[in-house]
Amino acid sequence: MKLITFLQKEDNHMGVLTDRGVVDIEAAQTALSTRLEAPVPVTVKQLLDGGMEALNQLRNFVNELPMEEENPAWLKQVEDLTFGPCVTDPGKIICIGLNYRRHAEETGMAIPEYPILFNKFNNTLTGHGSEVPLPRTAHKVDYEAELGIVIGRTTKYVAEEAALDYVFGYCSANDLSARDLQLRTSQWLAGKSCDKFSPIGPYLVSADEVGDPNQLDIQCTVNGELRQSSNTSDMIFNCKQIVSYISQCMTLSPGDIILTGTPEGVVMGYPPENQVYLKTGDVVTVQIEKLGALTNTMVSE
């Protein structure tokens, strides 16, 4: 199932992508309330908090909709939507640094012995199609195509072999980084947590539609020029290892987002004379197999 968060009168609404368009779940539930035995989740948070039972309930609801109706009010077209971040209010945004082998090689850094953890905050979230302000205090903003993991069940101390059972789904993400702010100190937070520096989407795709998350092609283009092209199989620590490792450090809860690292091809990995960082007007697209293309435009703050 492909879930969309879209904005309507500045409120987040949940939609489900179908062959005919996007089902506005709240509008469909309101229109068909007399046929329902129980309410269905109408926000991504409600869905994640409800676990597999809520997902199955939502799937059954969508499958039973009268799709033969002509232009029902609860059916919208993707091109008419304003996207929000596909997960709107995670408790935690946890990121993995230096997690692709060839990315480590291009930056001249040693292969890490353990996953490098850092965090972002909810102010960094934005959706597909939105504008991202380039900070006045930074001049070296870099793109980072990343696979996002969204946790679906509370877990602590989970073994690697069971770790992916606690994942709800996956999304495309861009871990934008102001390198000049990031590298001022040994702590990366300042360069990672600027406003709207974590676009995610366009969809949150349930794990059953994705299969093996470590066999996905991942790309990034800037103004149509291919900059990153790899596969998640190049991760140093794969998805089940990441989820298990983080759960040894802290409890993971439904809606928590894990950004799993970026492959080679970032600006920071170029020779200094060839480094051209993002500027106003640049259009950045992150595309991951099965998860869709996430596009954002850089603007002046």
Protein backbone atom coordinates (compact mmCIF):
# COMPACT_ATOMS: atom_id res chain seq x y z
CA MET A 1 0.00 0.00 0.00
CA LYS A 2 1.27 3.46 -0.94
CA LEU A 3 0.26 6.14 1.55
CA ILE A 4 0.33 9.87 0.85
CA THR A 5 0.11 12.80 3.23
CA PHE A 6 -1.45 15.81 1.52
CA LEU A 7 -2.30 19.27 2.76
CA GLN A 8 -5.83 20.62 2.76
CA LYS A 9 -6.53 23.97 4.45
CA GLU A 10 -3.11 23.57 6.14
CA ASP A 11 -4.15 20.28 7.75
CA ASN A 12 -2.51 16.93 7.01
CA HIS A 13 -4.75 14.34 5.38
CA MET A 14 -3.95 10.72 4.54
CA GLY A 15 -4.51 9.31 1.09
CA VAL A 16 -4.01 5.90 -0.49
CA LEU A 17 -2.72 5.68 -4.05
CA THR A 18 -4.86 3.51 -6.33
CA ASP A 19 -5.05 2.90 -10.08
CA ARG A 20 -7.76 5.58 -10.38
CA GLY A 21 -6.19 8.20 -8.16
CA VAL A 22 -5.71 9.00 -4.48
CA VAL A 23 -8.43 8.01 -2.02
CA ASP A 24 -8.95 10.74 0.59
CA ILE A 25 -9.56 8.40 3.52
CA GLU A 26 -11.30 10.89 5.81
CA ALA A 27 -13.61 12.06 3.02
CA ALA A 28 -14.39 8.49 1.99
CA GLN A 29 -15.16 7.48 5.57
CA THR A 30 -17.49 10.47 5.98
CA ALA A 31 -19.29 9.70 2.70
CA LEU A 32 -19.69 6.00 3.48
CA SER A 33 -20.11 6.12 7.26
CA THR A 34 -23.45 4.32 7.17
CA ARG A 35 -21.76 1.25 5.67
CA LEU A 36 -18.94 1.04 8.22
CA GLU A 37 -18.94 -1.26 11.22
CA ALA A 38 -16.10 0.74 12.82
CA PRO A 39 -14.08 3.86 11.93
CA VAL A 40 -10.88 3.42 9.94
CA PRO A 41 -7.64 5.32 10.67
CA VAL A 42 -7.65 8.66 8.86
CA THR A 43 -4.10 9.87 9.64
CA VAL A 44 -0.72 8.22 9.22
CA LYS A 45 -0.16 8.52 12.99
CA GLN A 46 -3.43 6.68 13.73
CA LEU A 47 -2.44 4.02 11.22
CA LEU A 48 1.04 3.51 12.65
CA ASP A 49 -0.22 3.48 16.23
CA GLY A 50 -2.80 0.85 15.24
CA GLY A 51 -0.26 -1.58 13.82
CA MET A 52 -1.04 -4.41 11.42
CA GLU A 53 -4.68 -4.54 12.52
CA ALA A 54 -5.17 -0.93 11.43
CA LEU A 55 -3.31 -1.52 8.15
CA ASN A 56 -5.49 -4.53 7.32
CA GLN A 57 -8.59 -2.55 8.26
CA LEU A 58 -7.54 0.29 5.96
CA ARG A 59 -6.66 -2.08 3.14
CA ASN A 60 -10.07 -3.78 3.37
CA PHE A 61 -11.81 -0.40 3.44
CA VAL A 62 -10.06 0.77 0.27
CA ASN A 63 -10.64 -2.55 -1.51
CA GLU A 64 -14.38 -2.34 -0.80
CA LEU A 65 -14.84 1.24 -2.01
CA PRO A 66 -17.32 1.65 -4.89
CA MET A 67 -14.60 2.54 -7.39
CA GLU A 68 -17.07 2.26 -10.26
CA GLU A 69 -18.62 5.55 -9.19
CA GLU A 70 -17.90 8.37 -11.62
CA ASN A 71 -15.78 11.14 -10.05
CA PRO A 72 -16.55 10.46 -6.37
CA ALA A 73 -15.76 13.41 -4.10
CA TRP A 74 -13.31 11.31 -2.09
CA LEU A 75 -11.10 10.50 -5.10
CA LYS A 76 -8.33 12.99 -5.95
CA GLN A 77 -5.63 13.12 -8.61
CA VAL A 78 -1.97 13.14 -7.63
CA GLU A 79 -1.19 16.21 -9.73
CA ASP A 80 -3.78 18.23 -7.80
CA LEU A 81 -2.29 17.52 -4.36
CA THR A 82 0.09 19.50 -2.20
CA PHE A 83 2.25 16.89 -0.50
CA GLY A 84 3.27 16.90 3.13
CA PRO A 85 5.99 14.68 4.61
CA CYS A 86 4.77 11.09 4.33
CA VAL A 87 5.27 10.72 8.13
CA THR A 88 4.23 13.91 9.88
CA ASP A 89 5.15 13.64 13.55
CA PRO A 90 7.79 11.01 14.34
CA GLY A 91 9.00 10.74 17.89
CA LYS A 92 12.56 10.29 16.62
CA ILE A 93 14.50 10.88 13.40
CA ILE A 94 17.66 8.79 13.63
CA CYS A 95 20.30 8.92 10.92
CA ILE A 96 23.20 6.66 9.97
CA GLY A 97 26.42 8.33 8.84
CA LEU A 98 28.92 6.89 6.38
CA ASN A 99 26.94 3.73 5.66
CA TYR A 100 27.77 3.02 2.02
CA ARG A 101 31.10 1.41 1.25
CA ARG A 102 31.85 3.45 -1.88
CA HIS A 103 30.78 6.67 -0.15
CA ALA A 104 33.29 6.01 2.63
CA GLU A 105 35.94 5.42 -0.02
CA GLU A 106 35.18 8.65 -1.91
CA THR A 107 35.47 10.73 1.27
CA GLY A 108 38.68 8.98 2.33
CA MET A 109 37.19 7.90 5.65
CA ALA A 110 37.69 4.56 7.36
CA ILE A 111 34.91 1.95 7.23
CA PRO A 112 33.12 2.35 10.59
CA GLU A 113 33.17 -0.53 13.06
CA TYR A 114 29.71 0.35 14.37
CA PRO A 115 26.85 2.37 12.84
CA ILE A 116 27.41 6.10 13.28
CA LEU A 117 24.24 7.56 14.79
CA PHE A 118 23.10 11.16 14.73
CA ASN A 119 19.67 12.77 14.83
CA LYS A 120 17.46 15.31 13.16
CA PHE A 121 14.29 17.01 14.41
CA ASN A 122 10.76 17.47 13.11
CA ASN A 123 11.54 20.99 11.84
CA THR A 124 13.57 19.32 9.08
CA LEU A 125 10.59 17.44 7.64
CA THR A 126 8.94 18.47 4.40
CA GLY A 127 7.22 16.76 1.50
CA HIS A 128 7.56 16.08 -2.19
CA GLY A 129 7.30 19.21 -4.33
CA SER A 130 8.09 21.67 -1.55
CA GLU A 131 10.69 24.42 -1.62
CA VAL A 132 13.70 24.08 0.69
CA PRO A 133 15.24 27.34 1.98
CA LEU A 134 19.03 27.50 1.78
CA PRO A 135 20.26 28.89 5.14
CA ARG A 136 21.78 32.36 5.13
CA THR A 137 24.62 31.07 7.30
CA ALA A 138 25.62 28.18 5.01
CA HIS A 139 27.24 28.10 1.57
CA LYS A 140 27.92 24.38 1.11
CA VAL A 141 24.54 22.61 1.07
CA ASP A 142 24.78 19.04 -0.21
CA TYR A 143 22.20 16.44 -1.30
CA GLU A 144 22.10 12.91 0.11
CA ALA A 145 19.75 10.32 -1.39
CA GLU A 146 18.70 7.91 1.35
CA LEU A 147 16.35 5.05 2.08
CA GLY A 148 14.04 5.85 4.98
CA ILE A 149 12.81 3.13 7.34
CA VAL A 150 9.56 3.78 9.25
CA ILE A 151 9.05 1.75 12.42
CA GLY A 152 5.65 0.12 12.87
CA ARG A 153 5.88 -1.64 16.25
CA THR A 154 7.48 -0.76 19.57
CA THR A 155 10.72 -2.66 20.04
CA LYS A 156 13.79 -2.83 22.27
CA TYR A 157 16.72 -5.24 22.07
CA VAL A 158 15.42 -6.91 18.91
CA ALA A 159 17.61 -9.54 17.24
CA GLU A 160 18.75 -8.94 13.67
CA GLU A 161 16.77 -11.88 12.30
CA ALA A 162 13.51 -10.40 13.65
CA ALA A 163 14.28 -6.69 13.19
CA LEU A 164 12.41 -6.12 9.91
CA ASP A 165 9.23 -7.55 11.46
CA TYR A 166 9.03 -4.24 13.36
CA VAL A 167 9.20 -2.10 10.22
CA PHE A 168 5.98 -0.63 8.84
CA GLY A 169 7.42 0.55 5.55
CA TYR A 170 9.93 2.59 3.60
CA CYS A 171 10.23 5.93 1.81
CA SER A 172 12.62 7.98 -0.28
CA ALA A 173 14.47 10.67 1.65
CA ASN A 174 16.99 13.47 1.12
CA ASP A 175 19.32 14.03 4.08
CA LEU A 176 20.29 17.56 3.08
CA SER A 177 23.49 18.71 4.77
CA ALA A 178 25.14 22.10 5.18
CA ARG A 179 28.73 20.87 5.09
CA ASP A 180 30.28 24.10 6.33
CA LEU A 181 28.06 24.04 9.42
CA GLN A 182 28.35 20.26 9.81
CA LEU A 183 32.15 20.18 9.86
CA ARG A 184 32.77 23.15 12.16
CA THR A 185 32.89 20.72 15.10
CA SER A 186 33.02 16.97 15.65
CA GLN A 187 29.24 16.98 16.16
CA TRP A 188 27.20 17.10 12.93
CA LEU A 189 23.94 18.47 14.32
CA ALA A 190 24.23 22.10 13.16
CA GLY A 191 24.61 21.14 9.50
CA LYS A 192 21.92 18.50 9.53
CA SER A 193 18.99 20.15 11.30
CA CYS A 194 18.26 23.25 9.24
CA ASP A 195 14.60 23.83 8.39
CA LYS A 196 13.18 21.44 5.77
CA PHE A 197 16.46 19.52 5.49
CA SER A 198 14.68 16.14 5.54
CA PRO A 199 12.26 15.85 2.60
CA ILE A 200 10.56 12.43 2.72
CA GLY A 201 8.07 10.87 0.32
CA PRO A 202 6.26 11.08 -1.97
CA TYR A 203 4.86 7.85 -0.55
CA LEU A 204 5.17 5.74 2.56
CA VAL A 205 5.17 2.24 1.07
CA SER A 206 4.21 -0.69 3.28
CA ALA A 207 6.92 -3.30 3.76
CA ASP A 208 4.96 -6.05 2.01
CA GLU A 209 5.19 -4.11 -1.28
CA VAL A 210 8.92 -3.51 -0.99
CA GLY A 211 10.39 -6.91 -0.24
CA ASP A 212 14.13 -6.88 0.48
CA PRO A 213 15.08 -3.27 1.34
CA ASN A 214 18.73 -4.05 0.63
CA GLN A 215 18.16 -4.76 -3.06
CA LEU A 216 16.83 -1.38 -4.23
CA ASP A 217 18.30 0.93 -6.85
CA ILE A 218 18.84 4.46 -5.51
CA GLN A 219 19.55 7.62 -7.49
CA CYS A 220 19.82 11.38 -7.13
CA THR A 221 19.69 13.99 -9.89
CA VAL A 222 20.31 17.74 -9.74
CA ASN A 223 18.60 19.70 -12.52
CA GLY A 224 18.26 16.42 -14.40
CA GLU A 225 21.97 15.52 -14.13
CA LEU A 226 22.62 12.13 -12.53
CA ARG A 227 24.79 12.60 -9.42
CA GLN A 228 24.23 9.42 -7.40
CA SER A 229 23.47 5.96 -8.75
CA SER A 230 23.85 2.92 -6.53
CA ASN A 231 21.97 0.11 -4.82
CA THR A 232 21.11 -0.33 -1.17
CA SER A 233 23.12 -3.57 -1.28
CA ASP A 234 26.24 -1.36 -0.90
CA MET A 235 25.29 -0.49 2.69
CA ILE A 236 27.96 -1.32 5.24
CA PHE A 237 25.27 -2.08 7.83
CA ASN A 238 22.10 -3.40 6.25
CA CYS A 239 18.57 -2.51 7.31
CA LYS A 240 18.05 -5.36 9.76
CA GLN A 241 21.44 -4.66 11.37
CA ILE A 242 20.59 -0.96 11.69
CA VAL A 243 17.19 -1.52 13.31
CA SER A 244 18.63 -4.12 15.69
CA TYR A 245 21.61 -1.95 16.64
CA ILE A 246 19.52 1.15 17.35
CA SER A 247 17.12 -0.92 19.45
CA GLN A 248 20.04 -1.92 21.68
CA CYS A 249 20.49 1.80 22.46
CA MET A 250 16.91 3.04 22.74
CA THR A 251 13.28 1.98 22.37
CA LEU A 252 11.95 2.34 18.83
CA SER A 253 8.32 3.38 18.55
CA PRO A 254 5.73 3.45 15.75
CA GLY A 255 6.42 6.36 13.43
CA ASP A 256 10.12 6.67 14.23
CA ILE A 257 12.14 7.32 11.08
CA ILE A 258 15.60 5.93 10.36
CA LEU A 259 17.60 7.47 7.50
CA THR A 260 20.03 4.78 6.44
CA GLY A 261 22.92 6.67 4.84
CA THR A 262 23.82 7.85 1.35
CA PRO A 263 25.80 6.32 -1.52
CA GLU A 264 28.73 7.87 -3.35
CA GLY A 265 28.32 10.93 -5.56
CA VAL A 266 27.69 13.70 -3.03
CA VAL A 267 29.37 17.05 -3.64
CA MET A 268 31.66 16.61 -0.62
CA GLY A 269 33.15 13.53 -2.29
CA TYR A 270 34.29 15.47 -5.39
CA PRO A 271 37.81 16.94 -5.70
CA PRO A 272 37.76 20.48 -4.20
CA GLU A 273 38.09 22.13 -7.59
CA ASN A 274 34.95 20.31 -8.83
CA GLN A 275 32.71 20.92 -5.81
CA VAL A 276 29.61 22.90 -6.79
CA TYR A 277 27.12 22.97 -3.92
CA LEU A 278 23.37 23.50 -4.22
CA LYS A 279 22.19 26.98 -5.14
CA THR A 280 18.88 28.81 -5.46
CA GLY A 281 16.75 27.30 -8.21
CA ASP A 282 18.37 23.86 -8.18
CA VAL A 283 15.89 20.99 -8.48
CA VAL A 284 16.92 17.82 -6.63
CA THR A 285 15.21 14.46 -7.19
CA VAL A 286 15.78 11.34 -5.11
CA GLN A 287 14.38 8.18 -6.65
CA ILE A 288 14.39 4.74 -5.06
CA GLU A 289 13.10 1.60 -6.72
CA LYS A 290 9.47 0.82 -5.66
CA LEU A 291 9.28 4.00 -3.54
CA GLY A 292 8.82 6.78 -6.11
CA ALA A 293 10.60 10.02 -6.92
CA LEU A 294 10.97 12.82 -4.35
CA THR A 295 11.59 16.25 -5.90
CA ASN A 296 12.38 19.53 -4.13
CA THR A 297 13.54 22.97 -5.27
CA MET A 298 16.15 25.01 -3.43
CA VAL A 299 15.22 28.64 -2.73
CA SER A 300 16.78 31.60 -0.95
CA GLU A 301 15.83 31.97 2.69
